[in-house]
């Protein structure tokens, strides 16, 4: 696939004062690494240093999110757990700082994203950071779907597997294929006409308000901090979301539940599936895809544990990072 259409050249304004005098302060400072992966310049955040005999903790984010989104949970990990452990969090292709600019300074050539590419990107990344070692792998939302599939395809690469609100998609029918392909092509044309562009904001405070509107549980100090990780200023001085508008295009392929179940059945690692107390599926699908259906699919996973984060919505790593850190530590240990 062609290079991602994203944005390392956008200017990031870090450390600005909060708009009400408060700003979240990271306790564990990450460092940025840029790795050549499949013709992309992959941005990866790293916390800590590797130690012999300690599995790296790999964190992969969800749709329209970035690696920095894990900061609150990383800060909540105990010193005993974090000591001597390398924590690795990439920006997926087309998000954050992963991508490449063309010579004329415009975004790269990708106008569509395919789920299997995330699996291959993760495979290359693990070869780079842990070539001879199984890892503890955590994924949220889209990332949760990715890690479940990856663990079934590469079972020997995973020591412990944790899926945070990665439900997958409703089952589809072959009869939907003609209209689905037509919709995909129509949306590609809309993208190239500039009709699917992401909204920009005159100030970072606008990005923070957007984050808080999407997640009412998000505190102002965290929203202010996240806004400067989730967006950056473009040449016009507007704050631009660090995500490619091409991610909004409908996937051309139908969702094959029978294929998913075969992959789930191939997972060999102990698996923890974590749900927020708030039912995200009912909000998104209105009964077209339910938790009961998702739980039925999970019966295919050989070594499964279920967990719940209280007083949290879909962005549970923002809402209750302490609860989540404790749950992850207990399961990984």
C-alpha atoms as a PDB file:
ATOM      1  CA  UNK A   1       0.000   0.000   0.000  1.00  0.00           C
ATOM      2  CA  UNK A   2       1.088   3.569  -0.607  1.00  0.00           C
ATOM      3  CA  UNK A   3       2.531   5.757   2.089  1.00  0.00           C
ATOM      4  CA  UNK A   4       0.256   7.195   4.751  1.00  0.00           C
ATOM      5  CA  UNK A   5      -1.004  10.723   4.143  1.00  0.00           C
ATOM      6  CA  UNK A   6       0.132  12.180   7.400  1.00  0.00           C
ATOM      7  CA  UNK A   7       2.067  14.977   8.750  1.00  0.00           C
ATOM      8  CA  UNK A   8       5.411  14.926  10.488  1.00  0.00           C
ATOM      9  CA  UNK A   9       5.959  18.464   9.176  1.00  0.00           C
ATOM     10  CA  UNK A  10       3.072  19.961  11.146  1.00  0.00           C
ATOM     11  CA  UNK A  11       4.290  22.114  14.004  1.00  0.00           C
ATOM     12  CA  UNK A  12       3.476  20.938  17.509  1.00  0.00           C
ATOM     13  CA  UNK A  13       3.207  23.525  20.254  1.00  0.00           C
ATOM     14  CA  UNK A  14       4.169  21.762  23.472  1.00  0.00           C
ATOM     15  CA  UNK A  15       4.013  22.967  27.011  1.00  0.00           C
ATOM     16  CA  UNK A  16       1.537  25.787  26.423  1.00  0.00           C
ATOM     17  CA  UNK A  17      -0.178  26.943  29.604  1.00  0.00           C
ATOM     18  CA  UNK A  18      -3.628  25.523  30.172  1.00  0.00           C
ATOM     19  CA  UNK A  19      -6.539  27.759  29.251  1.00  0.00           C
ATOM     20  CA  UNK A  20      -7.765  27.808  32.858  1.00  0.00           C
ATOM     21  CA  UNK A  21      -4.322  27.711  34.457  1.00  0.00           C
ATOM     22  CA  UNK A  22      -4.108  23.918  34.757  1.00  0.00           C
ATOM     23  CA  UNK A  23      -2.344  21.342  32.641  1.00  0.00           C
ATOM     24  CA  UNK A  24      -1.725  17.653  33.137  1.00  0.00           C
ATOM     25  CA  UNK A  25       1.950  16.910  33.823  1.00  0.00           C
ATOM     26  CA  UNK A  26       3.291  13.583  32.613  1.00  0.00           C
ATOM     27  CA  UNK A  27       5.089  11.640  35.335  1.00  0.00           C
ATOM     28  CA  UNK A  28       6.929   9.257  33.021  1.00  0.00           C
ATOM     29  CA  UNK A  29       8.375  11.106  30.046  1.00  0.00           C
ATOM     30  CA  UNK A  30       8.325   9.299  26.719  1.00  0.00           C
ATOM     31  CA  UNK A  31      10.885   9.596  23.963  1.00  0.00           C
ATOM     32  CA  UNK A  32      10.143   9.479  20.254  1.00  0.00           C
ATOM     33  CA  UNK A  33      11.608   6.962  17.857  1.00  0.00           C
ATOM     34  CA  UNK A  34      11.110   6.944  14.079  1.00  0.00           C
ATOM     35  CA  UNK A  35      11.409   3.539  12.415  1.00  0.00           C
ATOM     36  CA  UNK A  36      11.265   2.698   8.687  1.00  0.00           C
ATOM     37  CA  UNK A  37       8.353   0.266   8.369  1.00  0.00           C
ATOM     38  CA  UNK A  38       6.968  -0.778   4.971  1.00  0.00           C
ATOM     39  CA  UNK A  39       7.868   2.478   3.204  1.00  0.00           C
ATOM     40  CA  UNK A  40       6.570   4.556   6.099  1.00  0.00           C
ATOM     41  CA  UNK A  41       8.362   6.571   8.750  1.00  0.00           C
ATOM     42  CA  UNK A  42       6.681   5.062  11.803  1.00  0.00           C
ATOM     43  CA  UNK A  43       6.547   7.158  14.957  1.00  0.00           C
ATOM     44  CA  UNK A  44       6.836   5.186  18.191  1.00  0.00           C
ATOM     45  CA  UNK A  45       6.712   6.412  21.776  1.00  0.00           C
ATOM     46  CA  UNK A  46       8.950   4.609  24.244  1.00  0.00           C
ATOM     47  CA  UNK A  47       8.939   4.625  28.023  1.00  0.00           C
ATOM     48  CA  UNK A  48      11.626   2.886  30.067  1.00  0.00           C
ATOM     49  CA  UNK A  49      14.452   0.632  28.965  1.00  0.00           C
ATOM     50  CA  UNK A  50      14.462  -3.063  28.101  1.00  0.00           C
ATOM     51  CA  UNK A  51      15.723  -5.525  30.681  1.00  0.00           C
ATOM     52  CA  UNK A  52      16.696  -9.151  30.279  1.00  0.00           C
ATOM     53  CA  UNK A  53      13.832 -11.519  30.961  1.00  0.00           C
ATOM     54  CA  UNK A  54      11.139  -8.813  31.084  1.00  0.00           C
ATOM     55  CA  UNK A  55       8.620  -8.848  28.243  1.00  0.00           C
ATOM     56  CA  UNK A  56       8.032  -5.480  26.565  1.00  0.00           C
ATOM     57  CA  UNK A  57       4.561  -4.006  27.034  1.00  0.00           C
ATOM     58  CA  UNK A  58       3.217  -2.965  23.621  1.00  0.00           C
ATOM     59  CA  UNK A  59       0.250  -0.553  23.540  1.00  0.00           C
ATOM     60  CA  UNK A  60      -1.673   0.104  20.320  1.00  0.00           C
ATOM     61  CA  UNK A  61      -4.301   2.826  20.093  1.00  0.00           C
ATOM     62  CA  UNK A  62      -7.692   3.027  18.440  1.00  0.00           C
ATOM     63  CA  UNK A  63      -9.297   4.899  15.549  1.00  0.00           C
ATOM     64  CA  UNK A  64      -8.637   8.661  15.505  1.00  0.00           C
ATOM     65  CA  UNK A  65      -6.329   8.365  18.489  1.00  0.00           C
ATOM     66  CA  UNK A  66      -2.547   8.584  18.989  1.00  0.00           C
ATOM     67  CA  UNK A  67       0.137   6.780  20.986  1.00  0.00           C
ATOM     68  CA  UNK A  68       0.374   9.647  23.504  1.00  0.00           C
ATOM     69  CA  UNK A  69      -3.162   8.762  24.561  1.00  0.00           C
ATOM     70  CA  UNK A  70      -1.668   6.026  26.765  1.00  0.00           C
ATOM     71  CA  UNK A  71       0.238   8.536  28.914  1.00  0.00           C
ATOM     72  CA  UNK A  72      -2.277   8.613  31.786  1.00  0.00           C
ATOM     73  CA  UNK A  73      -2.294   4.828  32.095  1.00  0.00           C
ATOM     74  CA  UNK A  74       1.497   4.606  31.821  1.00  0.00           C
ATOM     75  CA  UNK A  75       1.783   7.184  34.606  1.00  0.00           C
ATOM     76  CA  UNK A  76      -0.560   5.071  36.759  1.00  0.00           C
ATOM     77  CA  UNK A  77       1.593   1.924  36.531  1.00  0.00           C
ATOM     78  CA  UNK A  78       3.407   1.039  39.733  1.00  0.00           C
ATOM     79  CA  UNK A  79       7.141   1.629  40.015  1.00  0.00           C
ATOM     80  CA  UNK A  80       7.682  -2.070  40.623  1.00  0.00           C
ATOM     81  CA  UNK A  81       5.936  -2.985  37.362  1.00  0.00           C
ATOM     82  CA  UNK A  82       7.516  -0.266  35.233  1.00  0.00           C
ATOM     83  CA  UNK A  83      11.034  -0.774  36.547  1.00  0.00           C
ATOM     84  CA  UNK A  84      13.192  -2.390  33.892  1.00  0.00           C
ATOM     85  CA  UNK A  85      10.323  -2.690  31.419  1.00  0.00           C
ATOM     86  CA  UNK A  86      10.245  -1.166  27.970  1.00  0.00           C
ATOM     87  CA  UNK A  87       6.808   0.205  27.021  1.00  0.00           C
ATOM     88  CA  UNK A  88       6.244   0.639  23.290  1.00  0.00           C
ATOM     89  CA  UNK A  89       3.361   2.580  21.705  1.00  0.00           C
ATOM     90  CA  UNK A  90       3.270   3.302  17.954  1.00  0.00           C
ATOM     91  CA  UNK A  91       1.151   5.826  16.086  1.00  0.00           C
ATOM     92  CA  UNK A  92      -0.728   3.694  13.553  1.00  0.00           C
ATOM     93  CA  UNK A  93      -0.306   4.521   9.864  1.00  0.00           C
ATOM     94  CA  UNK A  94      -2.280   7.638   9.021  1.00  0.00           C
ATOM     95  CA  UNK A  95      -2.378   8.819  12.651  1.00  0.00           C
ATOM     96  CA  UNK A  96      -0.160  10.935  14.881  1.00  0.00           C
ATOM     97  CA  UNK A  97       3.316  11.458  13.459  1.00  0.00           C
ATOM     98  CA  UNK A  98       3.485   8.272  11.398  1.00  0.00           C
ATOM     99  CA  UNK A  99       3.651   8.987   7.696  1.00  0.00           C
ATOM    100  CA  UNK A 100       5.687  10.831   5.167  1.00  0.00           C
ATOM    101  CA  UNK A 101       5.397  14.087   3.270  1.00  0.00           C
ATOM    102  CA  UNK A 102       5.737  14.215  -0.486  1.00  0.00           C
ATOM    103  CA  UNK A 103       8.457  16.511  -1.969  1.00  0.00           C
ATOM    104  CA  UNK A 104       5.934  19.315  -2.525  1.00  0.00           C
ATOM    105  CA  UNK A 105       5.035  19.255   1.188  1.00  0.00           C
ATOM    106  CA  UNK A 106       1.574  17.770   0.683  1.00  0.00           C
ATOM    107  CA  UNK A 107       0.284  14.624   2.359  1.00  0.00           C
ATOM    108  CA  UNK A 108       1.390  11.249   0.973  1.00  0.00           C
ATOM    109  CA  UNK A 109      -0.422   9.072  -1.528  1.00  0.00           C
ATOM    110  CA  UNK A 110      -2.714   6.792   0.498  1.00  0.00           C
ATOM    111  CA  UNK A 111      -6.411   7.379  -0.001  1.00  0.00           C
ATOM    112  CA  UNK A 112      -7.630   4.228   1.739  1.00  0.00           C
ATOM    113  CA  UNK A 113      -6.641   2.052   4.707  1.00  0.00           C
ATOM    114  CA  UNK A 114      -6.962  -1.722   4.987  1.00  0.00           C
ATOM    115  CA  UNK A 115      -7.214  -3.730   8.185  1.00  0.00           C
ATOM    116  CA  UNK A 116      -4.546  -6.314   7.218  1.00  0.00           C
ATOM    117  CA  UNK A 117      -1.999  -3.502   6.941  1.00  0.00           C
ATOM    118  CA  UNK A 118      -2.218  -2.947  10.693  1.00  0.00           C
ATOM    119  CA  UNK A 119      -1.329  -6.608  11.251  1.00  0.00           C
ATOM    120  CA  UNK A 120       1.696  -6.374   8.962  1.00  0.00           C
ATOM    121  CA  UNK A 121       2.819  -3.053  10.478  1.00  0.00           C
ATOM    122  CA  UNK A 122       2.663  -4.577  13.961  1.00  0.00           C
ATOM    123  CA  UNK A 123       4.599  -7.632  12.789  1.00  0.00           C
ATOM    124  CA  UNK A 124       7.394  -5.447  11.401  1.00  0.00           C
ATOM    125  CA  UNK A 125       7.434  -3.310  14.555  1.00  0.00           C
ATOM    126  CA  UNK A 126       7.765  -6.343  16.824  1.00  0.00           C
ATOM    127  CA  UNK A 127      10.566  -7.666  14.630  1.00  0.00           C
ATOM    128  CA  UNK A 128      12.333  -4.356  15.200  1.00  0.00           C
ATOM    129  CA  UNK A 129      11.808  -3.962  18.956  1.00  0.00           C
ATOM    130  CA  UNK A 130      11.525  -7.563  20.179  1.00  0.00           C
ATOM    131  CA  UNK A 131      12.888  -9.870  17.480  1.00  0.00           C
ATOM    132  CA  UNK A 132      13.508 -12.844  19.780  1.00  0.00           C
ATOM    133  CA  UNK A 133      11.009 -12.186  22.559  1.00  0.00           C
ATOM    134  CA  UNK A 134       7.282 -12.672  23.078  1.00  0.00           C
ATOM    135  CA  UNK A 135       5.527  -9.468  24.170  1.00  0.00           C
ATOM    136  CA  UNK A 136       2.607  -8.436  26.342  1.00  0.00           C
ATOM    137  CA  UNK A 137       0.245  -6.842  23.831  1.00  0.00           C
ATOM    138  CA  UNK A 138      -2.550  -4.365  24.643  1.00  0.00           C
ATOM    139  CA  UNK A 139      -4.947  -2.820  22.142  1.00  0.00           C
ATOM    140  CA  UNK A 140      -7.811  -0.350  22.501  1.00  0.00           C
ATOM    141  CA  UNK A 141     -10.869  -0.211  20.208  1.00  0.00           C
ATOM    142  CA  UNK A 142      -9.553  -0.574  16.634  1.00  0.00           C
ATOM    143  CA  UNK A 143      -6.263  -1.580  18.258  1.00  0.00           C
ATOM    144  CA  UNK A 144      -8.134  -4.214  20.269  1.00  0.00           C
ATOM    145  CA  UNK A 145      -9.422  -5.742  17.057  1.00  0.00           C
ATOM    146  CA  UNK A 146      -5.913  -5.670  15.610  1.00  0.00           C
ATOM    147  CA  UNK A 147      -4.294  -7.419  18.587  1.00  0.00           C
ATOM    148  CA  UNK A 148      -6.953 -10.150  18.673  1.00  0.00           C
ATOM    149  CA  UNK A 149      -6.356 -10.946  15.009  1.00  0.00           C
ATOM    150  CA  UNK A 150      -2.581 -10.634  15.273  1.00  0.00           C
ATOM    151  CA  UNK A 151      -2.462 -13.005  18.256  1.00  0.00           C
ATOM    152  CA  UNK A 152      -4.362 -15.615  16.235  1.00  0.00           C
ATOM    153  CA  UNK A 153      -2.120 -15.209  13.194  1.00  0.00           C
ATOM    154  CA  UNK A 154       1.192 -15.018  15.121  1.00  0.00           C
ATOM    155  CA  UNK A 155       0.390 -16.861  18.382  1.00  0.00           C
ATOM    156  CA  UNK A 156       4.037 -17.455  19.256  1.00  0.00           C
ATOM    157  CA  UNK A 157       4.780 -13.715  19.396  1.00  0.00           C
ATOM    158  CA  UNK A 158       2.394 -12.996  22.287  1.00  0.00           C
ATOM    159  CA  UNK A 159       2.944 -13.762  25.978  1.00  0.00           C
ATOM    160  CA  UNK A 160      -0.190 -12.040  27.346  1.00  0.00           C
ATOM    161  CA  UNK A 161      -2.986 -10.439  25.297  1.00  0.00           C
ATOM    162  CA  UNK A 162      -5.293  -7.635  26.469  1.00  0.00           C
ATOM    163  CA  UNK A 163      -8.191  -6.291  24.407  1.00  0.00           C
ATOM    164  CA  UNK A 164      -9.779  -3.041  25.631  1.00  0.00           C
ATOM    165  CA  UNK A 165     -13.202  -2.455  24.044  1.00  0.00           C
ATOM    166  CA  UNK A 166     -12.151  -3.988  20.723  1.00  0.00           C
ATOM    167  CA  UNK A 167     -15.499  -5.445  19.699  1.00  0.00           C
ATOM    168  CA  UNK A 168     -15.136  -5.899  15.972  1.00  0.00           C
ATOM    169  CA  UNK A 169     -17.974  -5.146  13.572  1.00  0.00           C
ATOM    170  CA  UNK A 170     -21.504  -6.430  12.950  1.00  0.00           C
ATOM    171  CA  UNK A 171     -21.840  -9.516  10.812  1.00  0.00           C
ATOM    172  CA  UNK A 172     -22.399  -8.821   7.122  1.00  0.00           C
ATOM    173  CA  UNK A 173     -24.159 -10.718   4.340  1.00  0.00           C
ATOM    174  CA  UNK A 174     -22.896 -11.424   0.805  1.00  0.00           C
ATOM    175  CA  UNK A 175     -25.928  -9.590  -0.575  1.00  0.00           C
ATOM    176  CA  UNK A 176     -24.485  -6.352   0.853  1.00  0.00           C
ATOM    177  CA  UNK A 177     -21.366  -6.552  -1.344  1.00  0.00           C
ATOM    178  CA  UNK A 178     -22.563  -4.673  -4.482  1.00  0.00           C
ATOM    179  CA  UNK A 179     -23.776  -1.624  -2.555  1.00  0.00           C
ATOM    180  CA  UNK A 180     -20.731  -1.749  -0.260  1.00  0.00           C
ATOM    181  CA  UNK A 181     -18.257  -1.558  -3.142  1.00  0.00           C
ATOM    182  CA  UNK A 182     -20.266   1.242  -4.760  1.00  0.00           C
ATOM    183  CA  UNK A 183     -20.291   3.210  -1.498  1.00  0.00           C
ATOM    184  CA  UNK A 184     -16.539   2.741  -1.140  1.00  0.00           C
ATOM    185  CA  UNK A 185     -15.873   4.145  -4.627  1.00  0.00           C
ATOM    186  CA  UNK A 186     -18.266   7.059  -4.073  1.00  0.00           C
ATOM    187  CA  UNK A 187     -16.514   7.972  -0.826  1.00  0.00           C
ATOM    188  CA  UNK A 188     -13.102   7.826  -2.514  1.00  0.00           C
ATOM    189  CA  UNK A 189     -14.360  10.417  -4.992  1.00  0.00           C
ATOM    190  CA  UNK A 190     -15.661  12.589  -2.145  1.00  0.00           C
ATOM    191  CA  UNK A 191     -12.237  12.397  -0.481  1.00  0.00           C
ATOM    192  CA  UNK A 192     -10.465  13.530  -3.646  1.00  0.00           C
ATOM    193  CA  UNK A 193     -12.941  16.404  -4.017  1.00  0.00           C
ATOM    194  CA  UNK A 194     -11.972  17.523  -0.509  1.00  0.00           C
ATOM    195  CA  UNK A 195     -15.391  16.742   0.984  1.00  0.00           C
ATOM    196  CA  UNK A 196     -14.110  14.446   3.764  1.00  0.00           C
ATOM    197  CA  UNK A 197     -11.549  16.794   5.306  1.00  0.00           C
ATOM    198  CA  UNK A 198     -11.250  16.793   9.087  1.00  0.00           C
ATOM    199  CA  UNK A 199     -12.342  19.860  10.997  1.00  0.00           C
ATOM    200  CA  UNK A 200      -9.678  22.382  12.020  1.00  0.00           C
ATOM    201  CA  UNK A 201      -9.671  24.657  15.066  1.00  0.00           C
ATOM    202  CA  UNK A 202      -8.290  28.172  15.534  1.00  0.00           C
ATOM    203  CA  UNK A 203      -6.810  27.306  18.935  1.00  0.00           C
ATOM    204  CA  UNK A 204      -5.815  24.217  20.906  1.00  0.00           C
ATOM    205  CA  UNK A 205      -8.609  25.029  23.344  1.00  0.00           C
ATOM    206  CA  UNK A 206     -11.081  24.159  20.573  1.00  0.00           C
ATOM    207  CA  UNK A 207      -9.506  20.727  20.230  1.00  0.00           C
ATOM    208  CA  UNK A 208      -9.756  20.243  23.992  1.00  0.00           C
ATOM    209  CA  UNK A 209     -13.455  21.143  23.924  1.00  0.00           C
ATOM    210  CA  UNK A 210     -13.990  18.648  21.103  1.00  0.00           C
ATOM    211  CA  UNK A 211     -12.338  15.917  23.169  1.00  0.00           C
ATOM    212  CA  UNK A 212     -14.483  16.742  26.195  1.00  0.00           C
ATOM    213  CA  UNK A 213     -17.646  16.783  24.098  1.00  0.00           C
ATOM    214  CA  UNK A 214     -16.827  13.339  22.730  1.00  0.00           C
ATOM    215  CA  UNK A 215     -15.958  12.063  26.215  1.00  0.00           C
ATOM    216  CA  UNK A 216     -17.815  13.952  28.987  1.00  0.00           C
ATOM    217  CA  UNK A 217     -15.756  12.111  31.635  1.00  0.00           C
ATOM    218  CA  UNK A 218     -12.506  13.692  30.415  1.00  0.00           C
ATOM    219  CA  UNK A 219     -11.177  16.314  32.819  1.00  0.00           C
ATOM    220  CA  UNK A 220     -10.095  19.754  31.606  1.00  0.00           C
ATOM    221  CA  UNK A 221      -6.415  19.258  32.540  1.00  0.00           C
ATOM    222  CA  UNK A 222      -6.202  15.995  30.605  1.00  0.00           C
ATOM    223  CA  UNK A 223      -8.111  17.453  27.657  1.00  0.00           C
ATOM    224  CA  UNK A 224      -5.722  20.410  27.480  1.00  0.00           C
ATOM    225  CA  UNK A 225      -2.732  18.057  27.492  1.00  0.00           C
ATOM    226  CA  UNK A 226      -4.237  15.624  24.980  1.00  0.00           C
ATOM    227  CA  UNK A 227      -5.201  18.411  22.590  1.00  0.00           C
ATOM    228  CA  UNK A 228      -1.533  19.165  21.989  1.00  0.00           C
ATOM    229  CA  UNK A 229      -0.804  15.487  21.268  1.00  0.00           C
ATOM    230  CA  UNK A 230      -3.907  14.843  19.188  1.00  0.00           C
ATOM    231  CA  UNK A 231      -3.491  17.899  16.954  1.00  0.00           C
ATOM    232  CA  UNK A 232      -0.849  20.313  15.669  1.00  0.00           C
ATOM    233  CA  UNK A 233      -0.761  23.637  13.868  1.00  0.00           C
ATOM    234  CA  UNK A 234      -0.743  23.584  10.066  1.00  0.00           C
ATOM    235  CA  UNK A 235       0.897  26.229   7.806  1.00  0.00           C
ATOM    236  CA  UNK A 236      -2.274  28.351   8.040  1.00  0.00           C
ATOM    237  CA  UNK A 237      -1.965  28.479  11.829  1.00  0.00           C
ATOM    238  CA  UNK A 238      -5.024  26.291  12.392  1.00  0.00           C
ATOM    239  CA  UNK A 239      -4.969  23.318  14.751  1.00  0.00           C
ATOM    240  CA  UNK A 240      -5.323  20.219  12.595  1.00  0.00           C
ATOM    241  CA  UNK A 241      -6.202  16.753  13.894  1.00  0.00           C
ATOM    242  CA  UNK A 242      -3.308  14.314  13.425  1.00  0.00           C
ATOM    243  CA  UNK A 243      -5.407  11.825  11.526  1.00  0.00           C
ATOM    244  CA  UNK A 244      -5.924  11.213   7.833  1.00  0.00           C
ATOM    245  CA  UNK A 245      -9.394  11.966   6.490  1.00  0.00           C
ATOM    246  CA  UNK A 246      -9.099   8.801   4.385  1.00  0.00           C
ATOM    247  CA  UNK A 247      -9.776   6.833   7.563  1.00  0.00           C
ATOM    248  CA  UNK A 248     -13.400   7.970   7.273  1.00  0.00           C
ATOM    249  CA  UNK A 249     -13.935   5.922   4.111  1.00  0.00           C
ATOM    250  CA  UNK A 250     -16.064   2.784   4.409  1.00  0.00           C
ATOM    251  CA  UNK A 251     -14.108  -0.455   4.202  1.00  0.00           C
ATOM    252  CA  UNK A 252     -14.818  -2.088   0.864  1.00  0.00           C
ATOM    253  CA  UNK A 253     -14.655  -5.602   2.327  1.00  0.00           C
ATOM    254  CA  UNK A 254     -17.491  -7.246   4.221  1.00  0.00           C
ATOM    255  CA  UNK A 255     -16.917  -8.430   7.780  1.00  0.00           C
ATOM    256  CA  UNK A 256     -16.462 -12.220   7.827  1.00  0.00           C
ATOM    257  CA  UNK A 257     -17.398 -13.447  11.294  1.00  0.00           C
ATOM    258  CA  UNK A 258     -16.596 -17.053  10.382  1.00  0.00           C
ATOM    259  CA  UNK A 259     -13.044 -15.945   9.538  1.00  0.00           C
ATOM    260  CA  UNK A 260     -12.779 -14.009  12.809  1.00  0.00           C
ATOM    261  CA  UNK A 261     -13.839 -17.059  14.835  1.00  0.00           C
ATOM    262  CA  UNK A 262     -11.141 -19.201  13.203  1.00  0.00           C
ATOM    263  CA  UNK A 263      -8.545 -16.563  14.096  1.00  0.00           C
ATOM    264  CA  UNK A 264      -9.821 -16.283  17.679  1.00  0.00           C
ATOM    265  CA  UNK A 265      -9.585 -20.057  18.050  1.00  0.00           C
ATOM    266  CA  UNK A 266      -5.893 -19.890  17.098  1.00  0.00           C
ATOM    267  CA  UNK A 267      -4.971 -17.523  19.954  1.00  0.00           C
ATOM    268  CA  UNK A 268      -2.702 -19.383  22.381  1.00  0.00           C
ATOM    269  CA  UNK A 269      -1.855 -16.584  24.840  1.00  0.00           C
ATOM    270  CA  UNK A 270      -3.902 -16.004  27.996  1.00  0.00           C
ATOM    271  CA  UNK A 271      -6.346 -13.293  26.934  1.00  0.00           C
ATOM    272  CA  UNK A 272      -8.005 -10.551  28.966  1.00  0.00           C
ATOM    273  CA  UNK A 273     -10.956  -8.729  27.411  1.00  0.00           C
ATOM    274  CA  UNK A 274     -11.833  -5.517  29.257  1.00  0.00           C
ATOM    275  CA  UNK A 275     -15.098  -3.623  28.857  1.00  0.00           C
ATOM    276  CA  UNK A 276     -16.118  -0.275  30.279  1.00  0.00           C
ATOM    277  CA  UNK A 277     -19.128  -0.117  32.567  1.00  0.00           C
ATOM    278  CA  UNK A 278     -20.799   2.119  29.987  1.00  0.00           C
ATOM    279  CA  UNK A 279     -22.052   0.047  27.039  1.00  0.00           C
ATOM    280  CA  UNK A 280     -20.441   1.584  23.949  1.00  0.00           C
ATOM    281  CA  UNK A 281     -21.971  -0.886  21.523  1.00  0.00           C
ATOM    282  CA  UNK A 282     -25.525   0.093  22.335  1.00  0.00           C
ATOM    283  CA  UNK A 283     -24.662   3.742  21.625  1.00  0.00           C
ATOM    284  CA  UNK A 284     -22.945   2.990  18.312  1.00  0.00           C
ATOM    285  CA  UNK A 285     -25.113   0.313  16.770  1.00  0.00           C
ATOM    286  CA  UNK A 286     -28.540   0.711  18.369  1.00  0.00           C
ATOM    287  CA  UNK A 287     -29.107  -3.039  18.606  1.00  0.00           C
ATOM    288  CA  UNK A 288     -27.569  -3.982  15.245  1.00  0.00           C
ATOM    289  CA  UNK A 289     -24.552  -5.402  17.095  1.00  0.00           C
ATOM    290  CA  UNK A 290     -24.767  -6.191  20.802  1.00  0.00           C
ATOM    291  CA  UNK A 291     -22.501  -7.169  23.674  1.00  0.00           C
ATOM    292  CA  UNK A 292     -24.257 -10.528  23.751  1.00  0.00           C
ATOM    293  CA  UNK A 293     -23.176 -11.159  20.140  1.00  0.00           C
ATOM    294  CA  UNK A 294     -19.616 -10.107  20.936  1.00  0.00           C
ATOM    295  CA  UNK A 295     -19.533 -12.379  23.993  1.00  0.00           C
ATOM    296  CA  UNK A 296     -20.749 -15.250  21.836  1.00  0.00           C
ATOM    297  CA  UNK A 297     -17.781 -14.709  19.500  1.00  0.00           C
ATOM    298  CA  UNK A 298     -15.405 -14.695  22.467  1.00  0.00           C
ATOM    299  CA  UNK A 299     -16.326 -18.295  23.241  1.00  0.00           C
ATOM    300  CA  UNK A 300     -13.895 -19.215  20.471  1.00  0.00           C
ATOM    301  CA  UNK A 301     -10.931 -17.789  22.454  1.00  0.00           C
ATOM    302  CA  UNK A 302      -9.210 -20.686  24.269  1.00  0.00           C
ATOM    303  CA  UNK A 303      -7.875 -18.956  27.410  1.00  0.00           C
ATOM    304  CA  UNK A 304     -10.198 -16.065  28.187  1.00  0.00           C
ATOM    305  CA  UNK A 305     -10.654 -13.783  31.195  1.00  0.00           C
ATOM    306  CA  UNK A 306     -13.167 -10.924  31.302  1.00  0.00           C
ATOM    307  CA  UNK A 307     -12.721  -7.651  33.167  1.00  0.00           C
ATOM    308  CA  UNK A 308     -14.754  -4.469  33.699  1.00  0.00           C
ATOM    309  CA  UNK A 309     -13.661  -0.899  34.414  1.00  0.00           C
ATOM    310  CA  UNK A 310     -16.187   0.926  36.600  1.00  0.00           C
ATOM    311  CA  UNK A 311     -17.389   4.484  35.963  1.00  0.00           C
ATOM    312  CA  UNK A 312     -15.840   4.553  32.486  1.00  0.00           C
ATOM    313  CA  UNK A 313     -16.891   4.910  28.877  1.00  0.00           C
ATOM    314  CA  UNK A 314     -15.174   3.723  25.737  1.00  0.00           C
ATOM    315  CA  UNK A 315     -12.021   5.787  26.425  1.00  0.00           C
ATOM    316  CA  UNK A 316     -11.400   3.871  29.614  1.00  0.00           C
ATOM    317  CA  UNK A 317      -7.651   4.567  29.540  1.00  0.00           C
ATOM    318  CA  UNK A 318      -8.559   8.250  29.959  1.00  0.00           C
ATOM    319  CA  UNK A 319     -11.480   7.795  32.361  1.00  0.00           C
ATOM    320  CA  UNK A 320      -9.947   5.370  34.856  1.00  0.00           C
ATOM    321  CA  UNK A 321      -6.212   4.968  34.166  1.00  0.00           C
ATOM    322  CA  UNK A 322      -5.521   3.777  37.717  1.00  0.00           C
ATOM    323  CA  UNK A 323      -8.114   0.988  37.535  1.00  0.00           C
ATOM    324  CA  UNK A 324      -6.842  -0.063  34.139  1.00  0.00           C
ATOM    325  CA  UNK A 325      -3.175  -0.021  35.175  1.00  0.00           C
ATOM    326  CA  UNK A 326      -3.962  -2.229  38.163  1.00  0.00           C
ATOM    327  CA  UNK A 327      -5.911  -4.664  36.003  1.00  0.00           C
ATOM    328  CA  UNK A 328      -3.127  -4.885  33.413  1.00  0.00           C
ATOM    329  CA  UNK A 329      -0.421  -5.339  36.036  1.00  0.00           C
ATOM    330  CA  UNK A 330      -2.325  -8.125  37.740  1.00  0.00           C
ATOM    331  CA  UNK A 331      -2.997  -9.986  34.507  1.00  0.00           C
ATOM    332  CA  UNK A 332       0.482  -9.581  33.042  1.00  0.00           C
ATOM    333  CA  UNK A 333       2.153 -10.648  36.279  1.00  0.00           C
END
